[in-house]
Amino acid sequence: MEKPKRAGDSPIAVTLEAGKRYAWCTCGLSEKQPFCDGKHKGGEFSPHVFVAEKEETKYFCACKATKNGPFCDGSHK
């Protein structure tokens, strides 16, 4: 099983828009962190897709070790 590439050492703050669809990068290869840009193609990773329920600022995992994906749980420490 492949491991994701660590894309950063701290969470990335994003203000989500209610009703908007997002695709969080799970492979760590995207150049548009924390979101997917399709670089995972051909591998065993796929993005974590979700629709934001409300407008709010959330902290997305960049280290790709979170157990609460797509959101940071402090695993980068």
PDB file of N, CA and C in Angstrom:
ATOM      1  N   MET A   1       0.838  -1.188   0.000  1.00  0.00           N
ATOM      2  CA  MET A   1       0.000   0.000   0.000  1.00  0.00           C
ATOM      3  C   MET A   1       0.884   1.254   0.000  1.00  0.00           C
ATOM      4  N   GLU A   2       0.591   2.154  -0.911  1.00  0.00           N
ATOM      5  CA  GLU A   2       1.340   3.410  -1.003  1.00  0.00           C
ATOM      6  C   GLU A   2       1.042   4.312   0.195  1.00  0.00           C
ATOM      7  N   LYS A   3       2.021   5.119   0.563  1.00  0.00           N
ATOM      8  CA  LYS A   3       1.800   6.144   1.577  1.00  0.00           C
ATOM      9  C   LYS A   3       1.719   7.484   0.870  1.00  0.00           C
ATOM     10  N   PRO A   4       0.877   8.390   1.376  1.00  0.00           N
ATOM     11  CA  PRO A   4       0.800   9.710   0.750  1.00  0.00           C
ATOM     12  C   PRO A   4       2.062  10.523   1.005  1.00  0.00           C
ATOM     13  N   LYS A   5       2.338  11.442   0.106  1.00  0.00           N
ATOM     14  CA  LYS A   5       3.456  12.369   0.275  1.00  0.00           C
ATOM     15  C   LYS A   5       3.034  13.444   1.275  1.00  0.00           C
ATOM     16  N   ARG A   6       3.910  13.761   2.202  1.00  0.00           N
ATOM     17  CA  ARG A   6       3.646  14.832   3.165  1.00  0.00           C
ATOM     18  C   ARG A   6       3.713  16.162   2.413  1.00  0.00           C
ATOM     19  N   ALA A   7       2.598  16.883   2.350  1.00  0.00           N
ATOM     20  CA  ALA A   7       2.524  18.122   1.570  1.00  0.00           C
ATOM     21  C   ALA A   7       2.791  19.368   2.408  1.00  0.00           C
ATOM     22  N   GLY A   8       2.935  19.202   3.710  1.00  0.00           N
ATOM     23  CA  GLY A   8       3.197  20.337   4.584  1.00  0.00           C
ATOM     24  C   GLY A   8       3.295  19.907   6.026  1.00  0.00           C
ATOM     25  N   ASP A   9       3.734  20.832   6.873  1.00  0.00           N
ATOM     26  CA  ASP A   9       3.921  20.533   8.293  1.00  0.00           C
ATOM     27  C   ASP A   9       2.952  21.260   9.206  1.00  0.00           C
ATOM     28  N   SER A  10       1.974  21.943   8.613  1.00  0.00           N
ATOM     29  CA  SER A  10       0.962  22.624   9.418  1.00  0.00           C
ATOM     30  C   SER A  10      -0.340  22.658   8.619  1.00  0.00           C
ATOM     31  N   PRO A  11      -1.467  22.799   9.314  1.00  0.00           N
ATOM     32  CA  PRO A  11      -2.752  22.809   8.621  1.00  0.00           C
ATOM     33  C   PRO A  11      -2.915  24.040   7.736  1.00  0.00           C
ATOM     34  N   ILE A  12      -3.817  23.917   6.767  1.00  0.00           N
ATOM     35  CA  ILE A  12      -4.098  24.998   5.825  1.00  0.00           C
ATOM     36  C   ILE A  12      -5.514  25.507   6.076  1.00  0.00           C
ATOM     37  N   ALA A  13      -5.625  26.783   6.453  1.00  0.00           N
ATOM     38  CA  ALA A  13      -6.926  27.383   6.738  1.00  0.00           C
ATOM     39  C   ALA A  13      -7.645  27.717   5.432  1.00  0.00           C
ATOM     40  N   VAL A  14      -8.911  27.324   5.346  1.00  0.00           N
ATOM     41  CA  VAL A  14      -9.734  27.591   4.171  1.00  0.00           C
ATOM     42  C   VAL A  14     -11.116  28.021   4.639  1.00  0.00           C
ATOM     43  N   THR A  15     -11.626  29.103   4.071  1.00  0.00           N
ATOM     44  CA  THR A  15     -13.004  29.502   4.345  1.00  0.00           C
ATOM     45  C   THR A  15     -13.889  28.814   3.316  1.00  0.00           C
ATOM     46  N   LEU A  16     -14.694  27.876   3.796  1.00  0.00           N
ATOM     47  CA  LEU A  16     -15.575  27.101   2.928  1.00  0.00           C
ATOM     48  C   LEU A  16     -16.841  27.882   2.610  1.00  0.00           C
ATOM     49  N   GLU A  17     -17.378  27.650   1.412  1.00  0.00           N
ATOM     50  CA  GLU A  17     -18.631  28.257   0.989  1.00  0.00           C
ATOM     51  C   GLU A  17     -19.738  27.215   1.117  1.00  0.00           C
ATOM     52  N   ALA A  18     -20.830  27.574   1.767  1.00  0.00           N
ATOM     53  CA  ALA A  18     -21.958  26.661   1.951  1.00  0.00           C
ATOM     54  C   ALA A  18     -22.451  26.152   0.604  1.00  0.00           C
ATOM     55  N   GLY A  19     -22.646  24.844   0.501  1.00  0.00           N
ATOM     56  CA  GLY A  19     -23.164  24.225  -0.703  1.00  0.00           C
ATOM     57  C   GLY A  19     -22.139  23.957  -1.787  1.00  0.00           C
ATOM     58  N   LYS A  20     -20.909  24.392  -1.607  1.00  0.00           N
ATOM     59  CA  LYS A  20     -19.860  24.190  -2.615  1.00  0.00           C
ATOM     60  C   LYS A  20     -19.203  22.822  -2.434  1.00  0.00           C
ATOM     61  N   ARG A  21     -18.870  22.194  -3.553  1.00  0.00           N
ATOM     62  CA  ARG A  21     -18.217  20.880  -3.560  1.00  0.00           C
ATOM     63  C   ARG A  21     -16.704  21.080  -3.525  1.00  0.00           C
ATOM     64  N   TYR A  22     -16.031  20.302  -2.676  1.00  0.00           N
ATOM     65  CA  TYR A  22     -14.580  20.364  -2.525  1.00  0.00           C
ATOM     66  C   TYR A  22     -13.994  18.965  -2.681  1.00  0.00           C
ATOM     67  N   ALA A  23     -12.748  18.900  -3.155  1.00  0.00           N
ATOM     68  CA  ALA A  23     -12.041  17.624  -3.304  1.00  0.00           C
ATOM     69  C   ALA A  23     -10.674  17.765  -2.638  1.00  0.00           C
ATOM     70  N   TRP A  24     -10.542  17.223  -1.435  1.00  0.00           N
ATOM     71  CA  TRP A  24      -9.301  17.288  -0.669  1.00  0.00           C
ATOM     72  C   TRP A  24      -8.301  16.268  -1.215  1.00  0.00           C
ATOM     73  N   CYS A  25      -7.078  16.718  -1.435  1.00  0.00           N
ATOM     74  CA  CYS A  25      -5.998  15.857  -1.927  1.00  0.00           C
ATOM     75  C   CYS A  25      -5.609  14.849  -0.836  1.00  0.00           C
ATOM     76  N   THR A  26      -5.628  13.563  -1.171  1.00  0.00           N
ATOM     77  CA  THR A  26      -5.211  12.528  -0.217  1.00  0.00           C
ATOM     78  C   THR A  26      -3.826  11.962  -0.535  1.00  0.00           C
ATOM     79  N   CYS A  27      -3.307  12.238  -1.750  1.00  0.00           N
ATOM     80  CA  CYS A  27      -2.008  11.669  -2.140  1.00  0.00           C
ATOM     81  C   CYS A  27      -0.829  12.559  -1.754  1.00  0.00           C
ATOM     82  N   GLY A  28      -1.088  13.873  -1.594  1.00  0.00           N
ATOM     83  CA  GLY A  28      -0.022  14.809  -1.243  1.00  0.00           C
ATOM     84  C   GLY A  28       0.737  15.359  -2.441  1.00  0.00           C
ATOM     85  N   LEU A  29       0.374  14.961  -3.649  1.00  0.00           N
ATOM     86  CA  LEU A  29       1.104  15.384  -4.849  1.00  0.00           C
ATOM     87  C   LEU A  29       0.565  16.669  -5.472  1.00  0.00           C
ATOM     88  N   SER A  30      -0.643  17.053  -5.144  1.00  0.00           N
ATOM     89  CA  SER A  30      -1.279  18.222  -5.760  1.00  0.00           C
ATOM     90  C   SER A  30      -0.465  19.495  -5.530  1.00  0.00           C
ATOM     91  N   GLU A  31      -0.418  20.328  -6.552  1.00  0.00           N
ATOM     92  CA  GLU A  31       0.228  21.633  -6.430  1.00  0.00           C
ATOM     93  C   GLU A  31      -0.773  22.684  -5.957  1.00  0.00           C
ATOM     94  N   LYS A  32      -2.024  22.290  -5.731  1.00  0.00           N
ATOM     95  CA  LYS A  32      -3.076  23.199  -5.281  1.00  0.00           C
ATOM     96  C   LYS A  32      -3.542  22.822  -3.878  1.00  0.00           C
ATOM     97  N   GLN A  33      -2.618  22.429  -3.017  1.00  0.00           N
ATOM     98  CA  GLN A  33      -2.945  22.012  -1.648  1.00  0.00           C
ATOM     99  C   GLN A  33      -3.819  23.052  -0.960  1.00  0.00           C
ATOM    100  N   PRO A  34      -4.814  22.605  -0.184  1.00  0.00           N
ATOM    101  CA  PRO A  34      -5.081  21.225   0.195  1.00  0.00           C
ATOM    102  C   PRO A  34      -5.983  20.472  -0.774  1.00  0.00           C
ATOM    103  N   PHE A  35      -6.255  21.044  -1.934  1.00  0.00           N
ATOM    104  CA  PHE A  35      -7.216  20.439  -2.846  1.00  0.00           C
ATOM    105  C   PHE A  35      -6.558  19.664  -3.978  1.00  0.00           C
ATOM    106  N   CYS A  36      -7.312  18.746  -4.540  1.00  0.00           N
ATOM    107  CA  CYS A  36      -6.858  17.855  -5.599  1.00  0.00           C
ATOM    108  C   CYS A  36      -6.711  18.596  -6.929  1.00  0.00           C
ATOM    109  N   ASP A  37      -5.632  18.263  -7.665  1.00  0.00           N
ATOM    110  CA  ASP A  37      -5.465  18.784  -9.021  1.00  0.00           C
ATOM    111  C   ASP A  37      -5.299  17.644 -10.029  1.00  0.00           C
ATOM    112  N   GLY A  38      -5.582  16.408  -9.602  1.00  0.00           N
ATOM    113  CA  GLY A  38      -5.543  15.261 -10.497  1.00  0.00           C
ATOM    114  C   GLY A  38      -4.218  14.536 -10.585  1.00  0.00           C
ATOM    115  N   LYS A  39      -3.217  14.943  -9.822  1.00  0.00           N
ATOM    116  CA  LYS A  39      -1.888  14.316  -9.890  1.00  0.00           C
ATOM    117  C   LYS A  39      -1.894  12.855  -9.406  1.00  0.00           C
ATOM    118  N   HIS A  40      -2.943  12.434  -8.722  1.00  0.00           N
ATOM    119  CA  HIS A  40      -3.045  11.072  -8.204  1.00  0.00           C
ATOM    120  C   HIS A  40      -3.333  10.044  -9.304  1.00  0.00           C
ATOM    121  N   LYS A  41      -3.721  10.481 -10.471  1.00  0.00           N
ATOM    122  CA  LYS A  41      -4.144   9.572 -11.550  1.00  0.00           C
ATOM    123  C   LYS A  41      -3.092   8.498 -11.812  1.00  0.00           C
ATOM    124  N   GLY A  42      -3.551   7.259 -11.873  1.00  0.00           N
ATOM    125  CA  GLY A  42      -2.654   6.129 -12.104  1.00  0.00           C
ATOM    126  C   GLY A  42      -2.157   5.492 -10.813  1.00  0.00           C
ATOM    127  N   GLY A  43      -2.446   6.104  -9.687  1.00  0.00           N
ATOM    128  CA  GLY A  43      -2.047   5.569  -8.382  1.00  0.00           C
ATOM    129  C   GLY A  43      -3.256   5.018  -7.643  1.00  0.00           C
ATOM    130  N   GLU A  44      -3.050   4.660  -6.390  1.00  0.00           N
ATOM    131  CA  GLU A  44      -4.143   4.085  -5.619  1.00  0.00           C
ATOM    132  C   GLU A  44      -4.931   5.112  -4.796  1.00  0.00           C
ATOM    133  N   PHE A  45      -4.600   6.389  -4.931  1.00  0.00           N
ATOM    134  CA  PHE A  45      -5.297   7.428  -4.188  1.00  0.00           C
ATOM    135  C   PHE A  45      -6.429   8.032  -5.003  1.00  0.00           C
ATOM    136  N   SER A  46      -7.419   8.548  -4.298  1.00  0.00           N
ATOM    137  CA  SER A  46      -8.481   9.331  -4.930  1.00  0.00           C
ATOM    138  C   SER A  46      -8.847  10.435  -3.944  1.00  0.00           C
ATOM    139  N   PRO A  47      -9.354  11.563  -4.434  1.00  0.00           N
ATOM    140  CA  PRO A  47      -9.649  12.673  -3.538  1.00  0.00           C
ATOM    141  C   PRO A  47     -10.824  12.372  -2.608  1.00  0.00           C
ATOM    142  N   HIS A  48     -10.836  13.052  -1.484  1.00  0.00           N
ATOM    143  CA  HIS A  48     -11.947  12.989  -0.535  1.00  0.00           C
ATOM    144  C   HIS A  48     -12.894  14.133  -0.924  1.00  0.00           C
ATOM    145  N   VAL A  49     -14.024  13.791  -1.520  1.00  0.00           N
ATOM    146  CA  VAL A  49     -14.964  14.784  -2.028  1.00  0.00           C
ATOM    147  C   VAL A  49     -16.093  14.995  -1.021  1.00  0.00           C
ATOM    148  N   PHE A  50     -16.430  16.266  -0.792  1.00  0.00           N
ATOM    149  CA  PHE A  50     -17.531  16.590   0.119  1.00  0.00           C
ATOM    150  C   PHE A  50     -18.140  17.934  -0.266  1.00  0.00           C
ATOM    151  N   VAL A  51     -19.344  18.192   0.248  1.00  0.00           N
ATOM    152  CA  VAL A  51     -20.022  19.471   0.045  1.00  0.00           C
ATOM    153  C   VAL A  51     -20.081  20.165   1.406  1.00  0.00           C
ATOM    154  N   ALA A  52     -19.641  21.416   1.450  1.00  0.00           N
ATOM    155  CA  ALA A  52     -19.645  22.178   2.707  1.00  0.00           C
ATOM    156  C   ALA A  52     -21.086  22.452   3.135  1.00  0.00           C
ATOM    157  N   GLU A  53     -21.378  22.180   4.377  1.00  0.00           N
ATOM    158  CA  GLU A  53     -22.726  22.380   4.901  1.00  0.00           C
ATOM    159  C   GLU A  53     -23.008  23.836   5.226  1.00  0.00           C
ATOM    160  N   LYS A  54     -21.956  24.558   5.616  1.00  0.00           N
ATOM    161  CA  LYS A  54     -22.141  25.968   5.972  1.00  0.00           C
ATOM    162  C   LYS A  54     -20.861  26.734   5.677  1.00  0.00           C
ATOM    163  N   GLU A  55     -20.980  28.050   5.665  1.00  0.00           N
ATOM    164  CA  GLU A  55     -19.790  28.881   5.481  1.00  0.00           C
ATOM    165  C   GLU A  55     -19.044  28.921   6.801  1.00  0.00           C
ATOM    166  N   GLU A  56     -17.787  28.502   6.762  1.00  0.00           N
ATOM    167  CA  GLU A  56     -16.953  28.494   7.956  1.00  0.00           C
ATOM    168  C   GLU A  56     -15.500  28.273   7.567  1.00  0.00           C
ATOM    169  N   THR A  57     -14.606  28.647   8.463  1.00  0.00           N
ATOM    170  CA  THR A  57     -13.182  28.403   8.244  1.00  0.00           C
ATOM    171  C   THR A  57     -12.830  27.074   8.887  1.00  0.00           C
ATOM    172  N   LYS A  58     -12.201  26.211   8.092  1.00  0.00           N
ATOM    173  CA  LYS A  58     -11.768  24.904   8.579  1.00  0.00           C
ATOM    174  C   LYS A  58     -10.275  24.774   8.298  1.00  0.00           C
ATOM    175  N   TYR A  59      -9.609  23.929   9.045  1.00  0.00           N
ATOM    176  CA  TYR A  59      -8.176  23.706   8.904  1.00  0.00           C
ATOM    177  C   TYR A  59      -7.943  22.328   8.296  1.00  0.00           C
ATOM    178  N   PHE A  60      -7.436  22.332   7.058  1.00  0.00           N
ATOM    179  CA  PHE A  60      -7.238  21.103   6.310  1.00  0.00           C
ATOM    180  C   PHE A  60      -5.860  20.508   6.583  1.00  0.00           C
ATOM    181  N   CYS A  61      -5.820  19.196   6.662  1.00  0.00           N
ATOM    182  CA  CYS A  61      -4.575  18.466   6.878  1.00  0.00           C
ATOM    183  C   CYS A  61      -3.668  18.581   5.660  1.00  0.00           C
ATOM    184  N   ALA A  62      -2.404  18.897   5.873  1.00  0.00           N
ATOM    185  CA  ALA A  62      -1.408  18.930   4.801  1.00  0.00           C
ATOM    186  C   ALA A  62      -0.416  17.774   4.936  1.00  0.00           C
ATOM    187  N   CYS A  63      -0.286  17.221   6.148  1.00  0.00           N
ATOM    188  CA  CYS A  63       0.670  16.129   6.342  1.00  0.00           C
ATOM    189  C   CYS A  63       0.120  14.788   5.857  1.00  0.00           C
ATOM    190  N   LYS A  64      -1.186  14.729   5.644  1.00  0.00           N
ATOM    191  CA  LYS A  64      -1.898  13.547   5.137  1.00  0.00           C
ATOM    192  C   LYS A  64      -1.914  12.385   6.125  1.00  0.00           C
ATOM    193  N   ALA A  65      -1.657  12.650   7.400  1.00  0.00           N
ATOM    194  CA  ALA A  65      -1.672  11.604   8.423  1.00  0.00           C
ATOM    195  C   ALA A  65      -2.905  11.678   9.322  1.00  0.00           C
ATOM    196  N   THR A  66      -3.779  12.653   9.101  1.00  0.00           N
ATOM    197  CA  THR A  66      -4.953  12.825   9.947  1.00  0.00           C
ATOM    198  C   THR A  66      -5.849  11.591   9.953  1.00  0.00           C
ATOM    199  N   LYS A  67      -6.491  11.357  11.055  1.00  0.00           N
ATOM    200  CA  LYS A  67      -7.504  10.300  11.166  1.00  0.00           C
ATOM    201  C   LYS A  67      -8.891  10.922  11.008  1.00  0.00           C
ATOM    202  N   ASN A  68      -8.926  12.251  10.773  1.00  0.00           N
ATOM    203  CA  ASN A  68     -10.175  13.004  10.670  1.00  0.00           C
ATOM    204  C   ASN A  68     -10.243  13.733   9.330  1.00  0.00           C
ATOM    205  N   GLY A  69      -9.754  13.071   8.267  1.00  0.00           N
ATOM    206  CA  GLY A  69      -9.696  13.706   6.951  1.00  0.00           C
ATOM    207  C   GLY A  69     -11.038  14.203   6.476  1.00  0.00           C
ATOM    208  N   PRO A  70     -11.025  15.370   5.905  1.00  0.00           N
ATOM    209  CA  PRO A  70      -9.897  16.133   5.399  1.00  0.00           C
ATOM    210  C   PRO A  70      -9.315  17.126   6.399  1.00  0.00           C
ATOM    211  N   PHE A  71      -9.818  17.114   7.614  1.00  0.00           N
ATOM    212  CA  PHE A  71      -9.447  18.135   8.579  1.00  0.00           C
ATOM    213  C   PHE A  71      -8.291  17.710   9.481  1.00  0.00           C
ATOM    214  N   CYS A  72      -7.490  18.693   9.883  1.00  0.00           N
ATOM    215  CA  CYS A  72      -6.331  18.456  10.732  1.00  0.00           C
ATOM    216  C   CYS A  72      -6.750  17.936  12.110  1.00  0.00           C
ATOM    217  N   ASP A  73      -6.031  16.940  12.601  1.00  0.00           N
ATOM    218  CA  ASP A  73      -6.251  16.433  13.951  1.00  0.00           C
ATOM    219  C   ASP A  73      -4.984  16.528  14.806  1.00  0.00           C
ATOM    220  N   GLY A  74      -3.979  17.252  14.314  1.00  0.00           N
ATOM    221  CA  GLY A  74      -2.736  17.441  15.062  1.00  0.00           C
ATOM    222  C   GLY A  74      -1.692  16.381  14.793  1.00  0.00           C
ATOM    223  N   SER A  75      -1.944  15.457  13.866  1.00  0.00           N
ATOM    224  CA  SER A  75      -0.990  14.388  13.567  1.00  0.00           C
ATOM    225  C   SER A  75       0.349  14.884  13.068  1.00  0.00           C
ATOM    226  N   HIS A  76       0.398  16.105  12.551  1.00  0.00           N
ATOM    227  CA  HIS A  76       1.647  16.665  12.016  1.00  0.00           C
ATOM    228  C   HIS A  76       2.679  16.955  13.098  1.00  0.00           C
ATOM    229  N   LYS A  77       2.265  16.961  14.346  1.00  0.00           N
ATOM    230  CA  LYS A  77       3.187  17.320  15.442  1.00  0.00           C
ATOM    231  C   LYS A  77       4.132  16.196  15.792  1.00  0.00           C
TER     232      LYS A  77
END
